[in-house]
Each structure stands twice: as C-alpha cells, then as structure tokens.
Amino acid sequence: MRRIVYYSCCFIAIIGAYYVDLSPVVICDLYKPDKDSHKKANKTVDSLLSESAQKGFEQKKQAEIGIDTLAINGNEWFEIYNYLSALKEGRSIPEEYKKRLPSNKYPMSVFFFMPDEMPIKKVAYHFKSNNQILYLQIFDENHNKQLQNKDISKAEKYLRLKYQIYSLDDFSIGGINIYPPPPTWMLYPYREYSLFLLLAGVAFYILLPVKNISSKVIRYPRWRVILCDLGATILTFVFFGMPFFIIGSTQKVFSSYILFSSVFWLISLIGLYTIKVALWYGSYQIDISKEGLKIADYRGIRQLRFDDMEYFQPAIFRPPKWFIFFTWFSALLRRNVTDLGKAILLSSSETGAIAIKLKNGREFYITVTDQMGSTALKGFEKIIESLKTSDVRELEEVKVIRSMGMEIMK
C-alpha cells in the first residue's frame, strides 16, 4: 500500500502538471493609435512609398480601428491602464497583476485575463472569433477637467484586447509555439494541485507506520529499502516525465506524439522493474523454525521444509556476458570516462546468495549481499546454521548464475 499510493501519486502528478486548459484568454496591452499605426506602416514594404501613400495607409488603419473601438469608463479599466504603464516605465506593480504576466515574462507589458473575469466580462460578448482585436478608449475621473483645459490628448487612453484561443496544434517539440504564452496557472490549471499530490505521496510513504515484526525475523535493513525506492523513483519518472517536459501538453503526449513518448517510456520500464525489486526488498522476510524456513514477500508465504531439501551451496549472480560486452562496446565507442567507469563496475559486480536445492529438482535462492559484496541480509548466518543443524548437505562449490536480476526460484 505504501508504494501503490506513493508511485500512483507520482504518475498522476506528472500527468496533471502538464494537462493544458484550452479555454480562450484575453490579452490586454496599451495602445497608442497614431504611434502604433505609424510603426506598422514603416515595417511594411509600403514604407518605400511616398509620404502621401504612407499617410493614406495610416488613415485606412485608423478607420479600421474605429470600427472595433469602444468608449468605456470605470476605475478597473483605469487601474489596468496604470499598471501597464508602470510596467513600461519599469515600476513595480501589485502581485495580483504580476501573476497575469506571460509565463516567460516576455513581453512584460501584457496582462492575461479569462473572458469571464471582471472587468473583461463586461465586453467579452463582442468577441466572436480567434485573434479578434477590440480597442477600448477609457476615461478617468479627470476627463472633464482635461476637456475644459482643451488638453484632449491627455484624456485619450487606449487598451487593446486580443481574443486568443489555443489548440493542441500550438504545442510541439519545445513546448508552446505561440507568444506570448499565458501564465502557468491559466495554461496548466492542475499544476499547483500536482505539487500537493506529490507531497502527499511522499508524506504517505514516510508516515505510514511500519508493521511490527519480531526481532527473530530476518529481513533487509530499512535504509536499503528506501535507497532502492529512491533509485526506482529516479529511473522511472525522469524518463516517464521527459516527453511531458519536451512537448508541454499531456493531451499532445498521449495523441500525436505517442510514438515519440514511447521511446522514453521504454527506458522507464527499467525503473518499473526497479519498483518491483523495491517492493520485494520491502516485504521480504525469513522466519526460521524447527521444521524449516518460512519465507514471505509481497506475493505470499512460501514454506521450505528441511526434509524437502537435498543440499545447499554458495551462489553468485553476475550480469550476462552479452550485457557486459555491449556496455564495454558502447563505452569504447563513445570514449567517455563515465561510461568506461560504469563498464568496469558492471564487469566486477556480483551478488552473493545461498542456493538451496530441493528434492523435487527446483532451486531456491536467498540473496545475502549487494552487487558490491557488502552484506545486505543481516543474520543470514542463522540460516546457514539452521541448515547444518538440520543435516542438510552442504556443497563447497560456488555456483555462478548469469542473470539480469535476482532469481528467487528456478
């Protein structure tokens, strides 16, 4: 249960963290009609035309803007205008508006709103299609005084609202390809919950009480079990989560990029096998009685009677020769010192065990050391002593077994 909850939380947290909300958003920024239209004219090929032609282009643009311009008042609009102005001038703004900046903080002078948020909700019914732009001319409380002073230009304040609809086509290798990208909390609404889910899984793993077991029972130390779980976590979720990080969308990972993702997930299968090993380490225990050995793991309890044993002998597990060969071949091909070190360690690694031959022809193995030769199963000497006391024949010959993992029964 400890590992089911923990690893399930990790899987769900990664999937949820990159689940994309494709709901429409409204991008809000400052707008100065004369200045902006003049800049756009200069950026086109028409900028090579005469001054009168450029003037005609600006007038045409102004006419188009006039169609989609609304005159509106309200302190909330004036507040947005002031904070956008503050951004352009490099001044600080409240945290409430900082969270509305693009996720990559570029360009800085842009705010994101949901269509049903105030005050955008007041004008949202004007939006009919993607990329539609709406211009707002806003008035503050000093507008009438400015009109009386014939300082009309100061009273003209504009906001530009763009209605943006995202789709899965906007995601590819490298993440979202539309700029500016919306804030993380808008694009990935479940990400904040994913962090809590991950922490909940870790807390459950740590705080779930360990079952009280008699001191006479032989089992692996808890710190070795925890290290095994840590290794399983790294091997599994680094490669499982890589496609989500690269593509940036859970929906895209499980649809058009499923083959790309499968390459990483095949590697993560090594981690899944390590999870199985960690589960076995955590549940493995041996109880010695007068009749035989009672061995329990996550699959159940197995009884090995001394009367059913033919002999026992020391055994060593080593990696298969073909696996060692390919590791060396890869290391020499890449000429990488780290890979050479891994090849050397793999060639010299071996796991010590006790091999018990049963009278029915099957063999049972009890692993007692790790791959570096250090004792992993404390108290294994009691097992050997009980076998000798029960007159089970002992062979001095060391049996070498080539295997990718620890064998239990053969």
Protein backbone atom coordinates (compact mmCIF):
# COMPACT_ATOMS: atom_id res chain seq x y z
CA MET A 1 0.00 0.00 0.00
CA ARG A 2 2.90 2.35 0.79
CA ARG A 3 4.28 2.03 -2.73
CA ILE A 4 0.95 1.87 -4.53
CA VAL A 5 -0.03 5.26 -3.08
CA TYR A 6 3.41 6.84 -3.47
CA TYR A 7 4.07 5.79 -7.06
CA SER A 8 0.46 6.45 -8.12
CA CYS A 9 0.74 10.00 -6.78
CA CYS A 10 3.96 10.50 -8.77
CA PHE A 11 2.37 9.31 -12.04
CA ILE A 12 -0.80 11.37 -11.59
CA ALA A 13 1.20 14.45 -10.52
CA ILE A 14 3.25 14.43 -13.74
CA ILE A 15 0.22 13.88 -15.97
CA GLY A 16 -1.78 16.58 -14.17
CA ALA A 17 1.07 19.10 -14.15
CA TYR A 18 1.09 19.25 -17.96
CA TYR A 19 -2.64 18.98 -18.61
CA VAL A 20 -3.43 22.02 -20.76
CA ASP A 21 -6.55 24.16 -20.41
CA LEU A 22 -7.52 25.25 -23.93
CA SER A 23 -10.09 27.79 -22.74
CA PRO A 24 -9.93 31.18 -24.53
CA VAL A 25 -7.99 34.04 -22.95
CA VAL A 26 -7.93 37.80 -23.47
CA ILE A 27 -4.55 39.50 -23.87
CA CYS A 28 -4.53 43.11 -22.75
CA ASP A 29 -1.90 45.77 -23.54
CA LEU A 30 -1.55 49.51 -24.07
CA TYR A 31 -2.33 51.09 -27.41
CA LYS A 32 -1.50 54.46 -28.94
CA PRO A 33 -3.32 54.76 -32.28
CA ASP A 34 -1.14 57.27 -34.12
CA LYS A 35 2.17 55.85 -32.90
CA ASP A 36 1.29 52.19 -33.41
CA SER A 37 -0.16 52.62 -36.88
CA HIS A 38 2.86 54.63 -37.98
CA LYS A 39 5.19 51.90 -36.77
CA LYS A 40 3.22 49.24 -38.62
CA ALA A 41 3.37 51.28 -41.78
CA ASN A 42 7.14 51.58 -41.54
CA LYS A 43 7.53 47.80 -41.09
CA THR A 44 5.77 47.00 -44.38
CA VAL A 45 7.03 47.14 -47.95
CA ASP A 46 4.70 50.12 -48.41
CA SER A 47 7.14 52.17 -46.33
CA LEU A 48 9.06 52.69 -49.57
CA LEU A 49 6.09 54.59 -50.97
CA SER A 50 5.69 58.32 -50.94
CA GLU A 51 4.78 60.27 -47.82
CA SER A 52 1.23 60.77 -49.11
CA ALA A 53 0.84 57.00 -49.66
CA GLN A 54 2.03 56.29 -46.11
CA LYS A 55 -0.41 58.87 -44.80
CA GLY A 56 -3.20 57.10 -46.67
CA PHE A 57 -2.18 53.79 -45.09
CA GLU A 58 -2.39 55.34 -41.62
CA GLN A 59 -5.80 56.83 -42.31
CA LYS A 60 -7.09 53.47 -43.53
CA LYS A 61 -5.75 51.80 -40.40
CA GLN A 62 -7.38 54.40 -38.20
CA ALA A 63 -10.71 53.79 -39.94
CA GLU A 64 -10.42 50.04 -39.25
CA ILE A 65 -9.60 50.71 -35.61
CA GLY A 66 -12.58 52.98 -35.28
CA ILE A 67 -14.93 50.13 -36.16
CA ASP A 68 -13.77 47.99 -33.21
CA THR A 69 -13.29 50.78 -30.66
CA LEU A 70 -15.45 51.12 -27.57
CA ALA A 71 -15.60 54.14 -25.28
CA ILE A 72 -15.74 52.89 -21.72
CA ASN A 73 -15.18 54.18 -18.20
CA GLY A 74 -14.56 52.62 -14.86
CA ASN A 75 -11.82 52.57 -12.23
CA GLU A 76 -10.95 48.93 -13.00
CA TRP A 77 -10.02 49.81 -16.61
CA PHE A 78 -8.04 52.82 -15.49
CA GLU A 79 -6.24 50.58 -12.98
CA ILE A 80 -5.20 48.15 -15.74
CA TYR A 81 -4.00 51.07 -17.84
CA ASN A 82 -1.92 52.49 -15.00
CA TYR A 83 -0.26 49.16 -14.19
CA LEU A 84 0.58 48.52 -17.83
CA SER A 85 2.10 51.98 -17.98
CA ALA A 86 4.07 51.22 -14.83
CA LEU A 87 5.49 48.09 -16.48
CA LYS A 88 6.66 50.05 -19.49
CA GLU A 89 8.37 52.53 -17.18
CA GLY A 90 9.97 49.79 -15.09
CA ARG A 91 7.96 50.48 -11.94
CA SER A 92 6.61 47.77 -9.66
CA ILE A 93 3.03 46.51 -9.74
CA PRO A 94 0.90 44.52 -7.24
CA GLU A 95 1.30 40.72 -7.02
CA GLU A 96 -2.28 40.35 -8.24
CA TYR A 97 -1.21 41.70 -11.62
CA LYS A 98 2.23 40.11 -11.68
CA LYS A 99 0.54 36.72 -11.89
CA ARG A 100 -1.15 37.89 -15.12
CA LEU A 101 2.15 38.34 -16.93
CA PRO A 102 3.20 35.83 -19.62
CA SER A 103 4.85 32.69 -18.23
CA ASN A 104 8.17 33.61 -19.86
CA LYS A 105 7.87 37.27 -18.71
CA TYR A 106 8.14 38.46 -22.31
CA PRO A 107 6.82 40.87 -23.40
CA MET A 108 6.45 42.34 -19.93
CA SER A 109 3.74 44.91 -20.79
CA VAL A 110 0.95 42.36 -21.38
CA PHE A 111 -1.75 41.09 -19.00
CA PHE A 112 -3.80 37.90 -19.42
CA PHE A 113 -7.43 37.58 -18.36
CA MET A 114 -10.07 34.90 -18.63
CA PRO A 115 -13.17 36.09 -20.56
CA ASP A 116 -15.39 35.59 -17.51
CA GLU A 117 -13.17 37.69 -15.22
CA MET A 118 -14.03 41.26 -14.33
CA PRO A 119 -13.79 43.73 -15.96
CA ILE A 120 -13.22 41.75 -19.20
CA LYS A 121 -16.62 40.11 -18.71
CA LYS A 122 -18.29 43.45 -19.45
CA VAL A 123 -17.03 43.48 -23.06
CA ALA A 124 -16.49 39.73 -23.69
CA TYR A 125 -19.70 39.43 -25.73
CA HIS A 126 -18.01 41.43 -28.52
CA PHE A 127 -15.54 38.62 -29.19
CA LYS A 128 -16.70 36.23 -31.92
CA SER A 129 -13.55 34.66 -33.41
CA ASN A 130 -9.95 33.77 -32.65
CA ASN A 131 -7.36 36.58 -32.85
CA GLN A 132 -10.12 39.20 -32.85
CA ILE A 133 -8.92 42.57 -31.54
CA LEU A 134 -11.01 45.07 -29.62
CA TYR A 135 -9.85 48.60 -28.80
CA LEU A 136 -11.07 50.37 -25.65
CA GLN A 137 -10.89 54.11 -25.15
CA ILE A 138 -11.07 54.60 -21.40
CA PHE A 139 -11.79 57.73 -19.40
CA ASP A 140 -10.69 58.58 -15.90
CA GLU A 141 -12.28 60.97 -13.42
CA ASN A 142 -10.16 63.89 -14.66
CA HIS A 143 -11.51 63.62 -18.21
CA ASN A 144 -13.97 66.51 -17.92
CA LYS A 145 -11.32 68.81 -16.42
CA GLN A 146 -8.97 67.98 -19.28
CA LEU A 147 -11.67 68.76 -21.80
CA GLN A 148 -12.21 72.15 -20.17
CA ASN A 149 -8.49 72.84 -20.41
CA LYS A 150 -8.63 71.75 -24.10
CA ASP A 151 -5.97 69.14 -23.29
CA ILE A 152 -7.85 66.40 -25.10
CA SER A 153 -4.78 64.31 -25.99
CA LYS A 154 -4.05 63.55 -22.34
CA ALA A 155 -7.57 62.21 -21.90
CA GLU A 156 -7.17 59.67 -24.72
CA LYS A 157 -6.14 56.39 -23.15
CA TYR A 158 -6.46 53.16 -25.12
CA LEU A 159 -6.31 49.46 -24.28
CA ARG A 160 -6.03 46.75 -26.90
CA LEU A 161 -7.74 43.42 -26.15
CA LYS A 162 -6.95 40.34 -28.20
CA TYR A 163 -9.14 37.23 -28.03
CA GLN A 164 -6.84 34.20 -28.16
CA ILE A 165 -7.91 30.56 -28.50
CA TYR A 166 -5.20 27.93 -28.08
CA SER A 167 -5.25 24.45 -29.59
CA LEU A 168 -3.15 21.30 -29.39
CA ASP A 169 -1.56 22.32 -32.71
CA ASP A 170 0.19 25.11 -30.81
CA PHE A 171 2.31 22.50 -28.97
CA SER A 172 5.26 20.65 -30.45
CA ILE A 173 8.80 19.68 -29.51
CA GLY A 174 9.99 22.60 -27.42
CA GLY A 175 6.61 23.40 -25.89
CA ILE A 176 4.03 26.02 -26.84
CA ASN A 177 4.94 27.93 -30.02
CA ILE A 178 2.62 30.93 -29.63
CA TYR A 179 3.96 34.10 -28.00
CA PRO A 180 3.43 35.49 -25.53
CA PRO A 181 2.49 32.29 -23.66
CA PRO A 182 -0.21 32.67 -20.97
CA PRO A 183 0.61 32.48 -17.25
CA THR A 184 1.29 28.99 -15.94
CA TRP A 185 -1.77 28.97 -13.68
CA MET A 186 -4.00 29.62 -16.71
CA LEU A 187 -2.35 27.21 -19.13
CA TYR A 188 -1.77 24.43 -16.58
CA PRO A 189 -4.63 24.71 -14.05
CA TYR A 190 -3.81 21.45 -12.24
CA ARG A 191 -0.10 22.10 -11.75
CA GLU A 192 -0.48 23.63 -8.29
CA TYR A 193 -2.51 20.60 -7.20
CA SER A 194 0.11 18.26 -8.66
CA LEU A 195 2.70 19.57 -6.24
CA PHE A 196 0.41 18.91 -3.28
CA LEU A 197 -0.38 15.44 -4.64
CA LEU A 198 3.32 14.65 -4.95
CA LEU A 199 3.99 15.86 -1.40
CA ALA A 200 1.02 13.83 -0.15
CA GLY A 201 2.50 10.70 -1.74
CA VAL A 202 5.89 11.34 -0.13
CA ALA A 203 4.23 12.02 3.24
CA PHE A 204 2.24 8.79 2.99
CA TYR A 205 5.43 6.86 2.18
CA ILE A 206 7.25 8.34 5.17
CA LEU A 207 4.48 8.49 7.77
CA LEU A 208 2.71 5.16 7.17
CA PRO A 209 3.67 3.09 10.23
CA VAL A 210 5.97 0.12 9.66
CA LYS A 211 4.46 -3.19 10.67
CA ASN A 212 5.87 -4.53 13.92
CA ILE A 213 7.86 -7.68 13.20
CA SER A 214 9.60 -9.99 15.65
CA SER A 215 13.30 -9.36 16.09
CA LYS A 216 13.88 -13.04 15.28
CA VAL A 217 12.69 -12.49 11.71
CA ILE A 218 15.49 -11.91 9.21
CA ARG A 219 14.88 -9.04 6.76
CA TYR A 220 16.70 -6.35 4.79
CA PRO A 221 17.54 -3.07 6.61
CA ARG A 222 15.02 -0.29 6.03
CA TRP A 223 17.64 2.14 4.73
CA ARG A 224 18.44 -0.25 1.87
CA VAL A 225 14.75 -0.44 1.02
CA ILE A 226 14.50 3.36 0.96
CA LEU A 227 17.56 3.65 -1.30
CA CYS A 228 16.01 1.12 -3.66
CA ASP A 229 12.78 3.15 -3.76
CA LEU A 230 14.78 6.31 -4.43
CA GLY A 231 16.59 4.66 -7.33
CA ALA A 232 13.28 3.37 -8.70
CA THR A 233 11.79 6.87 -8.49
CA ILE A 234 14.65 8.42 -10.45
CA LEU A 235 14.83 5.73 -13.13
CA THR A 236 11.08 5.65 -13.64
CA PHE A 237 9.93 9.25 -13.50
CA VAL A 238 12.85 11.01 -15.17
CA PHE A 239 12.17 9.12 -18.40
CA PHE A 240 8.40 8.95 -17.95
CA GLY A 241 8.18 12.71 -17.44
CA MET A 242 10.62 13.70 -20.22
CA PRO A 243 8.02 13.74 -23.06
CA PHE A 244 5.70 15.93 -20.97
CA PHE A 245 8.54 18.38 -20.33
CA ILE A 246 9.58 18.48 -24.00
CA ILE A 247 6.09 18.75 -25.55
CA GLY A 248 4.41 20.69 -22.75
CA SER A 249 0.97 19.12 -23.15
CA THR A 250 -0.43 15.92 -21.65
CA GLN A 251 -3.08 15.71 -24.37
CA LYS A 252 -0.42 16.02 -27.10
CA VAL A 253 1.85 13.44 -25.46
CA PHE A 254 -0.93 10.83 -25.50
CA SER A 255 -2.09 11.64 -29.03
CA SER A 256 0.09 12.71 -31.96
CA TYR A 257 3.39 12.31 -30.05
CA ILE A 258 2.64 8.90 -28.59
CA LEU A 259 5.39 7.19 -30.63
CA PHE A 260 7.93 9.84 -29.61
CA SER A 261 6.91 9.39 -25.97
CA SER A 262 7.11 5.60 -26.18
CA VAL A 263 10.86 5.79 -26.75
CA PHE A 264 11.33 7.37 -23.32
CA TRP A 265 8.73 5.16 -21.69
CA LEU A 266 10.54 2.03 -22.86
CA ILE A 267 13.59 3.23 -20.93
CA SER A 268 11.41 3.93 -17.90
CA LEU A 269 10.46 0.23 -17.88
CA ILE A 270 13.84 -0.33 -16.22
CA GLY A 271 12.58 1.86 -13.41
CA LEU A 272 9.33 -0.09 -13.23
CA TYR A 273 11.33 -3.26 -12.77
CA THR A 274 13.29 -1.49 -10.02
CA ILE A 275 9.95 -0.67 -8.35
CA LYS A 276 9.22 -4.38 -8.33
CA VAL A 277 12.63 -5.05 -6.76
CA ALA A 278 11.97 -2.34 -4.13
CA LEU A 279 8.61 -3.91 -3.37
CA TRP A 280 10.28 -7.28 -2.94
CA TYR A 281 13.01 -5.83 -0.69
CA GLY A 282 10.42 -4.09 1.48
CA SER A 283 8.27 -7.17 2.03
CA TYR A 284 10.93 -9.91 2.12
CA GLN A 285 11.42 -11.69 5.47
CA ILE A 286 12.57 -15.09 6.69
CA ASP A 287 11.41 -16.87 9.83
CA ILE A 288 13.38 -19.93 10.99
CA SER A 289 11.57 -22.79 12.76
CA LYS A 290 12.47 -26.37 13.69
CA GLU A 291 10.67 -27.72 10.61
CA GLY A 292 12.14 -25.36 8.04
CA LEU A 293 12.16 -21.84 6.64
CA LYS A 294 9.09 -19.65 6.25
CA ILE A 295 9.84 -17.06 3.57
CA ALA A 296 7.38 -14.21 2.90
CA ASP A 297 7.29 -11.44 0.29
CA TYR A 298 4.58 -9.36 -1.45
CA ARG A 299 3.43 -12.45 -3.37
CA GLY A 300 2.70 -14.52 -0.30
CA ILE A 301 4.31 -17.02 2.09
CA ARG A 302 6.41 -19.97 0.99
CA GLN A 303 7.26 -22.90 3.29
CA LEU A 304 10.58 -24.72 2.74
CA ARG A 305 10.85 -27.82 4.95
CA PHE A 306 14.32 -29.09 5.82
CA ASP A 307 13.16 -32.62 4.95
CA ASP A 308 12.47 -31.44 1.36
CA MET A 309 15.99 -30.03 0.88
CA GLU A 310 18.71 -32.04 -0.85
CA TYR A 311 21.68 -29.68 -0.36
CA PHE A 312 22.71 -26.03 -0.20
CA GLN A 313 25.74 -24.17 -1.54
CA PRO A 314 27.07 -20.61 -2.05
CA ALA A 315 25.98 -18.90 -5.26
CA ILE A 316 26.98 -15.73 -7.14
CA PHE A 317 24.81 -13.73 -9.52
CA ARG A 318 26.68 -11.90 -12.31
CA PRO A 319 25.39 -9.86 -15.27
CA PRO A 320 25.05 -11.77 -18.57
CA LYS A 321 28.18 -11.77 -20.73
CA TRP A 322 26.32 -10.22 -23.69
CA PHE A 323 25.20 -7.31 -21.49
CA ILE A 324 28.77 -6.69 -20.30
CA PHE A 325 30.00 -6.86 -23.91
CA PHE A 326 27.55 -4.24 -25.17
CA THR A 327 28.32 -2.00 -22.19
CA TRP A 328 32.03 -2.09 -23.00
CA PHE A 329 31.35 -1.65 -26.71
CA SER A 330 29.22 1.42 -26.06
CA ALA A 331 31.78 2.90 -23.65
CA LEU A 332 34.70 2.42 -26.08
CA LEU A 333 32.65 3.74 -28.98
CA ARG A 334 31.73 6.92 -27.13
CA ARG A 335 35.15 7.22 -25.44
CA ASN A 336 33.50 8.58 -22.33
CA VAL A 337 35.26 8.22 -18.97
CA THR A 338 31.94 7.91 -17.12
CA ASP A 339 30.77 5.11 -19.41
CA LEU A 340 34.09 3.32 -19.01
CA GLY A 341 33.70 3.53 -15.25
CA LYS A 342 30.20 2.04 -15.50
CA ALA A 343 31.52 -0.80 -17.68
CA ILE A 344 34.26 -1.59 -15.15
CA LEU A 345 31.77 -1.62 -12.26
CA LEU A 346 29.37 -3.82 -14.20
CA SER A 347 32.14 -6.30 -15.07
CA SER A 348 33.17 -6.65 -11.44
CA SER A 349 29.70 -6.58 -9.88
CA GLU A 350 28.34 -9.75 -8.32
CA THR A 351 25.65 -10.58 -5.79
CA GLY A 352 26.19 -13.31 -3.18
CA ALA A 353 23.41 -15.75 -2.31
CA ILE A 354 22.58 -19.10 -0.73
CA ALA A 355 21.34 -21.68 -3.23
CA ILE A 356 19.08 -24.42 -1.81
CA LYS A 357 18.46 -27.49 -3.98
CA LEU A 358 15.07 -29.13 -3.31
CA LYS A 359 14.40 -32.84 -3.75
CA ASN A 360 11.80 -32.08 -6.43
CA GLY A 361 14.58 -30.66 -8.64
CA ARG A 362 13.89 -26.96 -8.12
CA GLU A 363 16.38 -24.47 -6.64
CA PHE A 364 15.65 -21.64 -4.21
CA TYR A 365 17.95 -18.62 -3.76
CA ILE A 366 18.35 -16.32 -0.78
CA THR A 367 20.28 -13.13 -1.66
CA VAL A 368 22.63 -12.07 1.14
CA THR A 369 24.94 -9.39 -0.36
CA ASP A 370 24.60 -6.41 -2.70
CA GLN A 371 26.44 -6.02 -6.01
CA MET A 372 29.48 -4.54 -4.28
CA GLY A 373 29.81 -7.56 -1.99
CA SER A 374 28.59 -5.86 1.20
CA THR A 375 26.29 -7.86 3.46
CA ALA A 376 22.67 -6.85 2.78
CA LEU A 377 20.75 -9.52 4.70
CA LYS A 378 21.79 -9.23 8.33
CA GLY A 379 21.57 -12.52 10.23
CA PHE A 380 21.92 -14.81 7.20
CA GLU A 381 24.44 -16.82 9.26
CA LYS A 382 21.47 -18.13 11.29
CA ILE A 383 20.05 -19.62 8.09
CA ILE A 384 23.27 -21.48 7.32
CA GLU A 385 23.50 -22.67 10.91
CA SER A 386 19.91 -23.98 10.86
CA LEU A 387 20.56 -25.83 7.58
CA LYS A 388 23.63 -27.53 9.05
CA THR A 389 21.83 -28.36 12.28
CA SER A 390 19.01 -29.99 10.30
CA ASP A 391 21.55 -32.20 8.47
CA VAL A 392 21.05 -30.59 5.05
CA ARG A 393 24.09 -31.47 2.94
CA GLU A 394 26.47 -28.59 2.16
CA LEU A 395 28.42 -28.19 -1.08
CA GLU A 396 31.54 -26.02 -1.08
CA GLU A 397 31.46 -25.38 -4.82
CA VAL A 398 30.34 -21.86 -5.70
CA LYS A 399 27.57 -21.76 -8.30
CA VAL A 400 27.77 -18.87 -10.79
CA ILE A 401 24.47 -17.68 -12.28
CA ARG A 402 24.26 -15.20 -15.16
CA SER A 403 21.13 -13.15 -14.71
CA MET A 404 19.80 -9.60 -15.30
CA GLY A 405 18.12 -9.62 -11.89
CA MET A 406 17.83 -11.54 -8.65
CA GLU A 407 16.44 -15.03 -9.02
CA ILE A 408 14.12 -16.38 -6.35
CA MET A 409 13.09 -19.81 -7.56
CA LYS A 410 14.34 -21.80 -10.53
